[in-house]
Amino acid sequence: MSPVLADLAGLPPTVVVTADHDPLRNEGNALARALRLGQVQVFDRCEPGMVHGFIQNLDLVSPAAARAAGRWLDDASRLVSDVTPT
């Protein structure tokens, strides 16, 4: 099952974060495109040098992963504040 095959119109604003070294990066990019086609507000970013699961694993040993997780939290905060993405 893939969400890009569904009608995504009407979904709430969404944050899509992929990792540079992630086998699912292309699927994340396709999801962001499909959401935009459905007129959904999307913040999306590919984090350079990161691997799959860097946010879930809270890899705070890596300063780069900690900064990337912080950017994800900033994006989520913007959505809650109803700010239009730049």
PDB file of N, CA and C in Angstrom:
ATOM      1  N   MET A   1       0.849  -1.166   0.000  1.00  0.00           N
ATOM      2  CA  MET A   1       0.000   0.000   0.000  1.00  0.00           C
ATOM      3  C   MET A   1       0.896   1.230   0.000  1.00  0.00           C
ATOM      4  N   SER A   2       0.535   2.201  -0.795  1.00  0.00           N
ATOM      5  CA  SER A   2       1.322   3.414  -0.887  1.00  0.00           C
ATOM      6  C   SER A   2       0.410   4.634  -0.819  1.00  0.00           C
ATOM      7  N   PRO A   3       0.727   5.597   0.040  1.00  0.00           N
ATOM      8  CA  PRO A   3      -0.125   6.782   0.127  1.00  0.00           C
ATOM      9  C   PRO A   3      -0.136   7.610  -1.151  1.00  0.00           C
ATOM     10  N   VAL A   4       0.894   7.498  -1.983  1.00  0.00           N
ATOM     11  CA  VAL A   4       0.903   8.305  -3.211  1.00  0.00           C
ATOM     12  C   VAL A   4      -0.138   7.827  -4.206  1.00  0.00           C
ATOM     13  N   LEU A   5      -0.729   6.660  -3.991  1.00  0.00           N
ATOM     14  CA  LEU A   5      -1.776   6.149  -4.869  1.00  0.00           C
ATOM     15  C   LEU A   5      -3.165   6.606  -4.433  1.00  0.00           C
ATOM     16  N   ALA A   6      -3.245   7.268  -3.285  1.00  0.00           N
ATOM     17  CA  ALA A   6      -4.533   7.713  -2.743  1.00  0.00           C
ATOM     18  C   ALA A   6      -4.799   9.165  -3.120  1.00  0.00           C
ATOM     19  N   ASP A   7      -6.024   9.596  -2.911  1.00  0.00           N
ATOM     20  CA  ASP A   7      -6.383  11.007  -3.064  1.00  0.00           C
ATOM     21  C   ASP A   7      -5.944  11.712  -1.789  1.00  0.00           C
ATOM     22  N   LEU A   8      -4.948  12.561  -1.871  1.00  0.00           N
ATOM     23  CA  LEU A   8      -4.384  13.211  -0.695  1.00  0.00           C
ATOM     24  C   LEU A   8      -4.973  14.589  -0.427  1.00  0.00           C
ATOM     25  N   ALA A   9      -5.867  15.033  -1.291  1.00  0.00           N
ATOM     26  CA  ALA A   9      -6.495  16.343  -1.112  1.00  0.00           C
ATOM     27  C   ALA A   9      -7.203  16.398   0.238  1.00  0.00           C
ATOM     28  N   GLY A  10      -7.090  17.526   0.885  1.00  0.00           N
ATOM     29  CA  GLY A  10      -7.781  17.719   2.154  1.00  0.00           C
ATOM     30  C   GLY A  10      -6.994  17.284   3.377  1.00  0.00           C
ATOM     31  N   LEU A  11      -5.818  16.706   3.165  1.00  0.00           N
ATOM     32  CA  LEU A  11      -5.009  16.332   4.320  1.00  0.00           C
ATOM     33  C   LEU A  11      -4.443  17.582   4.983  1.00  0.00           C
ATOM     34  N   PRO A  12      -4.097  17.491   6.256  1.00  0.00           N
ATOM     35  CA  PRO A  12      -3.537  18.660   6.937  1.00  0.00           C
ATOM     36  C   PRO A  12      -2.120  18.950   6.455  1.00  0.00           C
ATOM     37  N   PRO A  13      -1.607  20.128   6.766  1.00  0.00           N
ATOM     38  CA  PRO A  13      -0.221  20.443   6.420  1.00  0.00           C
ATOM     39  C   PRO A  13       0.712  19.341   6.921  1.00  0.00           C
ATOM     40  N   THR A  14       1.760  19.092   6.155  1.00  0.00           N
ATOM     41  CA  THR A  14       2.608  17.935   6.402  1.00  0.00           C
ATOM     42  C   THR A  14       4.081  18.297   6.314  1.00  0.00           C
ATOM     43  N   VAL A  15       4.885  17.683   7.192  1.00  0.00           N
ATOM     44  CA  VAL A  15       6.337  17.784   7.131  1.00  0.00           C
ATOM     45  C   VAL A  15       6.857  16.454   6.588  1.00  0.00           C
ATOM     46  N   VAL A  16       7.655  16.508   5.525  1.00  0.00           N
ATOM     47  CA  VAL A  16       8.287  15.315   4.957  1.00  0.00           C
ATOM     48  C   VAL A  16       9.797  15.533   5.021  1.00  0.00           C
ATOM     49  N   VAL A  17      10.466  14.705   5.817  1.00  0.00           N
ATOM     50  CA  VAL A  17      11.915  14.805   5.944  1.00  0.00           C
ATOM     51  C   VAL A  17      12.508  13.487   5.472  1.00  0.00           C
ATOM     52  N   THR A  18      13.427  13.580   4.526  1.00  0.00           N
ATOM     53  CA  THR A  18      14.145  12.397   4.067  1.00  0.00           C
ATOM     54  C   THR A  18      15.622  12.557   4.413  1.00  0.00           C
ATOM     55  N   ALA A  19      16.342  11.453   4.297  1.00  0.00           N
ATOM     56  CA  ALA A  19      17.775  11.457   4.578  1.00  0.00           C
ATOM     57  C   ALA A  19      18.526  11.187   3.287  1.00  0.00           C
ATOM     58  N   ASP A  20      19.667  11.821   3.157  1.00  0.00           N
ATOM     59  CA  ASP A  20      20.495  11.688   1.964  1.00  0.00           C
ATOM     60  C   ASP A  20      20.831  10.224   1.657  1.00  0.00           C
ATOM     61  N   HIS A  21      21.123   9.449   2.695  1.00  0.00           N
ATOM     62  CA  HIS A  21      21.502   8.038   2.519  1.00  0.00           C
ATOM     63  C   HIS A  21      20.376   7.136   3.016  1.00  0.00           C
ATOM     64  N   ASP A  22      19.218   7.294   2.422  1.00  0.00           N
ATOM     65  CA  ASP A  22      18.025   6.566   2.845  1.00  0.00           C
ATOM     66  C   ASP A  22      17.460   5.798   1.656  1.00  0.00           C
ATOM     67  N   PRO A  23      17.271   4.487   1.790  1.00  0.00           N
ATOM     68  CA  PRO A  23      16.698   3.736   0.674  1.00  0.00           C
ATOM     69  C   PRO A  23      15.264   4.167   0.350  1.00  0.00           C
ATOM     70  N   LEU A  24      14.613   4.894   1.254  1.00  0.00           N
ATOM     71  CA  LEU A  24      13.236   5.346   1.026  1.00  0.00           C
ATOM     72  C   LEU A  24      13.166   6.823   0.617  1.00  0.00           C
ATOM     73  N   ARG A  25      14.307   7.430   0.319  1.00  0.00           N
ATOM     74  CA  ARG A  25      14.326   8.857  -0.029  1.00  0.00           C
ATOM     75  C   ARG A  25      13.429   9.167  -1.229  1.00  0.00           C
ATOM     76  N   ASN A  26      13.514   8.370  -2.288  1.00  0.00           N
ATOM     77  CA  ASN A  26      12.693   8.637  -3.474  1.00  0.00           C
ATOM     78  C   ASN A  26      11.206   8.550  -3.162  1.00  0.00           C
ATOM     79  N   GLU A  27      10.822   7.618  -2.302  1.00  0.00           N
ATOM     80  CA  GLU A  27       9.416   7.501  -1.918  1.00  0.00           C
ATOM     81  C   GLU A  27       8.965   8.729  -1.132  1.00  0.00           C
ATOM     82  N   GLY A  28       9.827   9.246  -0.274  1.00  0.00           N
ATOM     83  CA  GLY A  28       9.500  10.464   0.466  1.00  0.00           C
ATOM     84  C   GLY A  28       9.333  11.654  -0.457  1.00  0.00           C
ATOM     85  N   ASN A  29      10.217  11.754  -1.451  1.00  0.00           N
ATOM     86  CA  ASN A  29      10.096  12.833  -2.434  1.00  0.00           C
ATOM     87  C   ASN A  29       8.800  12.709  -3.227  1.00  0.00           C
ATOM     88  N   ALA A  30       8.434  11.485  -3.587  1.00  0.00           N
ATOM     89  CA  ALA A  30       7.179  11.258  -4.329  1.00  0.00           C
ATOM     90  C   ALA A  30       5.978  11.629  -3.469  1.00  0.00           C
ATOM     91  N   LEU A  31       6.039  11.343  -2.184  1.00  0.00           N
ATOM     92  CA  LEU A  31       4.941  11.705  -1.288  1.00  0.00           C
ATOM     93  C   LEU A  31       4.792  13.219  -1.221  1.00  0.00           C
ATOM     94  N   ALA A  32       5.900  13.941  -1.088  1.00  0.00           N
ATOM     95  CA  ALA A  32       5.829  15.407  -1.039  1.00  0.00           C
ATOM     96  C   ALA A  32       5.208  15.958  -2.327  1.00  0.00           C
ATOM     97  N   ARG A  33       5.618  15.412  -3.483  1.00  0.00           N
ATOM     98  CA  ARG A  33       5.034  15.853  -4.767  1.00  0.00           C
ATOM     99  C   ARG A  33       3.537  15.561  -4.813  1.00  0.00           C
ATOM    100  N   ALA A  34       3.145  14.359  -4.403  1.00  0.00           N
ATOM    101  CA  ALA A  34       1.731  13.977  -4.440  1.00  0.00           C
ATOM    102  C   ALA A  34       0.899  14.859  -3.504  1.00  0.00           C
ATOM    103  N   LEU A  35       1.450  15.189  -2.349  1.00  0.00           N
ATOM    104  CA  LEU A  35       0.734  16.075  -1.429  1.00  0.00           C
ATOM    105  C   LEU A  35       0.535  17.453  -2.060  1.00  0.00           C
ATOM    106  N   ARG A  36       1.582  17.963  -2.695  1.00  0.00           N
ATOM    107  CA  ARG A  36       1.449  19.268  -3.352  1.00  0.00           C
ATOM    108  C   ARG A  36       0.407  19.232  -4.460  1.00  0.00           C
ATOM    109  N   LEU A  37       0.398  18.144  -5.226  1.00  0.00           N
ATOM    110  CA  LEU A  37      -0.620  18.004  -6.277  1.00  0.00           C
ATOM    111  C   LEU A  37      -2.019  17.989  -5.686  1.00  0.00           C
ATOM    112  N   GLY A  38      -2.146  17.499  -4.463  1.00  0.00           N
ATOM    113  CA  GLY A  38      -3.430  17.499  -3.762  1.00  0.00           C
ATOM    114  C   GLY A  38      -3.703  18.804  -3.033  1.00  0.00           C
ATOM    115  N   GLN A  39      -2.870  19.831  -3.302  1.00  0.00           N
ATOM    116  CA  GLN A  39      -3.027  21.163  -2.707  1.00  0.00           C
ATOM    117  C   GLN A  39      -2.810  21.162  -1.187  1.00  0.00           C
ATOM    118  N   VAL A  40      -1.956  20.246  -0.706  1.00  0.00           N
ATOM    119  CA  VAL A  40      -1.626  20.187   0.715  1.00  0.00           C
ATOM    120  C   VAL A  40      -0.368  21.021   0.948  1.00  0.00           C
ATOM    121  N   GLN A  41      -0.371  21.807   2.023  1.00  0.00           N
ATOM    122  CA  GLN A  41       0.809  22.585   2.402  1.00  0.00           C
ATOM    123  C   GLN A  41       1.890  21.617   2.889  1.00  0.00           C
ATOM    124  N   VAL A  42       3.095  21.708   2.304  1.00  0.00           N
ATOM    125  CA  VAL A  42       4.168  20.757   2.611  1.00  0.00           C
ATOM    126  C   VAL A  42       5.462  21.502   2.897  1.00  0.00           C
ATOM    127  N   PHE A  43       6.105  21.123   3.993  1.00  0.00           N
ATOM    128  CA  PHE A  43       7.492  21.482   4.246  1.00  0.00           C
ATOM    129  C   PHE A  43       8.268  20.202   3.966  1.00  0.00           C
ATOM    130  N   ASP A  44       9.198  20.221   3.026  1.00  0.00           N
ATOM    131  CA  ASP A  44       9.987  19.008   2.812  1.00  0.00           C
ATOM    132  C   ASP A  44      11.454  19.356   2.662  1.00  0.00           C
ATOM    133  N   ARG A  45      12.275  18.404   3.086  1.00  0.00           N
ATOM    134  CA  ARG A  45      13.716  18.615   3.039  1.00  0.00           C
ATOM    135  C   ARG A  45      14.405  17.261   3.047  1.00  0.00           C
ATOM    136  N   CYS A  46      15.502  17.200   2.319  1.00  0.00           N
ATOM    137  CA  CYS A  46      16.387  16.037   2.369  1.00  0.00           C
ATOM    138  C   CYS A  46      17.608  16.466   3.176  1.00  0.00           C
ATOM    139  N   GLU A  47      17.847  15.772   4.273  1.00  0.00           N
ATOM    140  CA  GLU A  47      18.969  16.121   5.148  1.00  0.00           C
ATOM    141  C   GLU A  47      20.254  15.501   4.617  1.00  0.00           C
ATOM    142  N   PRO A  48      21.229  16.336   4.231  1.00  0.00           N
ATOM    143  CA  PRO A  48      22.480  15.827   3.676  1.00  0.00           C
ATOM    144  C   PRO A  48      23.287  15.032   4.707  1.00  0.00           C
ATOM    145  N   GLY A  49      23.849  13.925   4.235  1.00  0.00           N
ATOM    146  CA  GLY A  49      24.724  13.109   5.074  1.00  0.00           C
ATOM    147  C   GLY A  49      24.019  12.238   6.091  1.00  0.00           C
ATOM    148  N   MET A  50      22.700  12.330   6.203  1.00  0.00           N
ATOM    149  CA  MET A  50      21.975  11.542   7.198  1.00  0.00           C
ATOM    150  C   MET A  50      21.573  10.185   6.629  1.00  0.00           C
ATOM    151  N   VAL A  51      21.315   9.242   7.535  1.00  0.00           N
ATOM    152  CA  VAL A  51      20.874   7.898   7.166  1.00  0.00           C
ATOM    153  C   VAL A  51      19.437   7.697   7.637  1.00  0.00           C
ATOM    154  N   HIS A  52      18.792   6.666   7.097  1.00  0.00           N
ATOM    155  CA  HIS A  52      17.415   6.341   7.476  1.00  0.00           C
ATOM    156  C   HIS A  52      17.307   6.182   8.990  1.00  0.00           C
ATOM    157  N   GLY A  53      16.280   6.771   9.556  1.00  0.00           N
ATOM    158  CA  GLY A  53      16.008   6.615  10.982  1.00  0.00           C
ATOM    159  C   GLY A  53      16.745   7.583  11.884  1.00  0.00           C
ATOM    160  N   PHE A  54      17.411   8.580  11.330  1.00  0.00           N
ATOM    161  CA  PHE A  54      18.209   9.463  12.185  1.00  0.00           C
ATOM    162  C   PHE A  54      17.347  10.226  13.185  1.00  0.00           C
ATOM    163  N   ILE A  55      16.114  10.549  12.835  1.00  0.00           N
ATOM    164  CA  ILE A  55      15.248  11.262  13.784  1.00  0.00           C
ATOM    165  C   ILE A  55      14.683  10.304  14.827  1.00  0.00           C
ATOM    166  N   GLN A  56      14.176   9.155  14.390  1.00  0.00           N
ATOM    167  CA  GLN A  56      13.606   8.200  15.326  1.00  0.00           C
ATOM    168  C   GLN A  56      14.643   7.686  16.323  1.00  0.00           C
ATOM    169  N   ASN A  57      15.877   7.534  15.863  1.00  0.00           N
ATOM    170  CA  ASN A  57      16.922   7.028  16.743  1.00  0.00           C
ATOM    171  C   ASN A  57      17.491   8.111  17.647  1.00  0.00           C
ATOM    172  N   LEU A  58      17.083   9.355  17.421  1.00  0.00           N
ATOM    173  CA  LEU A  58      17.575  10.485  18.199  1.00  0.00           C
ATOM    174  C   LEU A  58      19.082  10.409  18.382  1.00  0.00           C
ATOM    175  N   ASP A  59      19.759  10.342  17.259  1.00  0.00           N
ATOM    176  CA  ASP A  59      21.208  10.218  17.238  1.00  0.00           C
ATOM    177  C   ASP A  59      21.841  11.539  17.682  1.00  0.00           C
ATOM    178  N   LEU A  60      21.734  11.821  18.972  1.00  0.00           N
ATOM    179  CA  LEU A  60      22.245  13.082  19.487  1.00  0.00           C
ATOM    180  C   LEU A  60      23.753  13.047  19.697  1.00  0.00           C
ATOM    181  N   VAL A  61      24.378  11.897  19.455  1.00  0.00           N
ATOM    182  CA  VAL A  61      25.831  11.819  19.504  1.00  0.00           C
ATOM    183  C   VAL A  61      26.413  12.571  18.315  1.00  0.00           C
ATOM    184  N   SER A  62      25.674  12.559  17.216  1.00  0.00           N
ATOM    185  CA  SER A  62      26.108  13.257  16.002  1.00  0.00           C
ATOM    186  C   SER A  62      25.547  14.678  16.022  1.00  0.00           C
ATOM    187  N   PRO A  63      26.410  15.683  16.073  1.00  0.00           N
ATOM    188  CA  PRO A  63      25.904  17.059  16.039  1.00  0.00           C
ATOM    189  C   PRO A  63      25.080  17.352  14.783  1.00  0.00           C
ATOM    190  N   ALA A  64      25.460  16.768  13.643  1.00  0.00           N
ATOM    191  CA  ALA A  64      24.702  16.990  12.408  1.00  0.00           C
ATOM    192  C   ALA A  64      23.291  16.422  12.530  1.00  0.00           C
ATOM    193  N   ALA A  65      23.158  15.235  13.122  1.00  0.00           N
ATOM    194  CA  ALA A  65      21.829  14.634  13.300  1.00  0.00           C
ATOM    195  C   ALA A  65      21.003  15.445  14.286  1.00  0.00           C
ATOM    196  N   ALA A  66      21.630  15.950  15.335  1.00  0.00           N
ATOM    197  CA  ALA A  66      20.904  16.776  16.299  1.00  0.00           C
ATOM    198  C   ALA A  66      20.395  18.057  15.640  1.00  0.00           C
ATOM    199  N   ARG A  67      21.214  18.674  14.795  1.00  0.00           N
ATOM    200  CA  ARG A  67      20.771  19.889  14.081  1.00  0.00           C
ATOM    201  C   ARG A  67      19.623  19.553  13.121  1.00  0.00           C
ATOM    202  N   ALA A  68      19.724  18.422  12.428  1.00  0.00           N
ATOM    203  CA  ALA A  68      18.667  18.014  11.499  1.00  0.00           C
ATOM    204  C   ALA A  68      17.369  17.768  12.256  1.00  0.00           C
ATOM    205  N   ALA A  69      17.439  17.116  13.400  1.00  0.00           N
ATOM    206  CA  ALA A  69      16.239  16.888  14.211  1.00  0.00           C
ATOM    207  C   ALA A  69      15.659  18.225  14.673  1.00  0.00           C
ATOM    208  N   GLY A  70      16.514  19.176  14.987  1.00  0.00           N
ATOM    209  CA  GLY A  70      16.040  20.507  15.367  1.00  0.00           C
ATOM    210  C   GLY A  70      15.317  21.201  14.231  1.00  0.00           C
ATOM    211  N   ARG A  71      15.814  21.037  13.010  1.00  0.00           N
ATOM    212  CA  ARG A  71      15.130  21.641  11.847  1.00  0.00           C
ATOM    213  C   ARG A  71      13.752  21.020  11.656  1.00  0.00           C
ATOM    214  N   TRP A  72      13.650  19.703  11.865  1.00  0.00           N
ATOM    215  CA  TRP A  72      12.359  19.025  11.760  1.00  0.00           C
ATOM    216  C   TRP A  72      11.396  19.588  12.803  1.00  0.00           C
ATOM    217  N   LEU A  73      11.853  19.776  14.024  1.00  0.00           N
ATOM    218  CA  LEU A  73      10.990  20.337  15.065  1.00  0.00           C
ATOM    219  C   LEU A  73      10.584  21.772  14.728  1.00  0.00           C
ATOM    220  N   ASP A  74      11.490  22.550  14.155  1.00  0.00           N
ATOM    221  CA  ASP A  74      11.147  23.912  13.734  1.00  0.00           C
ATOM    222  C   ASP A  74      10.049  23.894  12.669  1.00  0.00           C
ATOM    223  N   ASP A  75      10.165  22.983  11.698  1.00  0.00           N
ATOM    224  CA  ASP A  75       9.141  22.872  10.653  1.00  0.00           C
ATOM    225  C   ASP A  75       7.792  22.501  11.255  1.00  0.00           C
ATOM    226  N   ALA A  76       7.795  21.534  12.163  1.00  0.00           N
ATOM    227  CA  ALA A  76       6.541  21.118  12.804  1.00  0.00           C
ATOM    228  C   ALA A  76       5.932  22.283  13.580  1.00  0.00           C
ATOM    229  N   SER A  77       6.769  23.062  14.243  1.00  0.00           N
ATOM    230  CA  SER A  77       6.269  24.236  14.981  1.00  0.00           C
ATOM    231  C   SER A  77       5.643  25.251  14.040  1.00  0.00           C
ATOM    232  N   ARG A  78       6.259  25.443  12.863  1.00  0.00           N
ATOM    233  CA  ARG A  78       5.683  26.373  11.891  1.00  0.00           C
ATOM    234  C   ARG A  78       4.296  25.920  11.443  1.00  0.00           C
ATOM    235  N   LEU A  79       4.146  24.612  11.232  1.00  0.00           N
ATOM    236  CA  LEU A  79       2.837  24.107  10.811  1.00  0.00           C
ATOM    237  C   LEU A  79       1.791  24.340  11.901  1.00  0.00           C
ATOM    238  N   VAL A  80       2.167  24.117  13.125  1.00  0.00           N
ATOM    239  CA  VAL A  80       1.228  24.339  14.228  1.00  0.00           C
ATOM    240  C   VAL A  80       0.865  25.807  14.326  1.00  0.00           C
ATOM    241  N   SER A  81       1.823  26.676  14.008  1.00  0.00           N
ATOM    242  CA  SER A  81       1.584  28.117  14.058  1.00  0.00           C
ATOM    243  C   SER A  81       0.883  28.626  12.799  1.00  0.00           C
ATOM    244  N   ASP A  82       0.641  27.709  11.837  1.00  0.00           N
ATOM    245  CA  ASP A  82      -0.043  28.042  10.586  1.00  0.00           C
ATOM    246  C   ASP A  82       0.719  29.087   9.778  1.00  0.00           C
ATOM    247  N   VAL A  83       2.027  28.903   9.661  1.00  0.00           N
ATOM    248  CA  VAL A  83       2.876  29.789   8.853  1.00  0.00           C
ATOM    249  C   VAL A  83       3.072  29.163   7.494  1.00  0.00           C
ATOM    250  N   THR A  84       2.961  29.941   6.449  1.00  0.00           N
ATOM    251  CA  THR A  84       3.153  29.461   5.078  1.00  0.00           C
ATOM    252  C   THR A  84       4.636  29.157   4.855  1.00  0.00           C
ATOM    253  N   PRO A  85       4.967  27.985   4.224  1.00  0.00           N
ATOM    254  CA  PRO A  85       6.377  27.659   3.989  1.00  0.00           C
ATOM    255  C   PRO A  85       7.016  28.620   3.001  1.00  0.00           C
ATOM    256  N   THR A  86       8.324  28.761   3.139  1.00  0.00           N
ATOM    257  CA  THR A  86       9.062  29.623   2.219  1.00  0.00           C
ATOM    258  C   THR A  86       9.756  28.789   1.184  1.00  0.00           C
TER     259      THR A  86
END
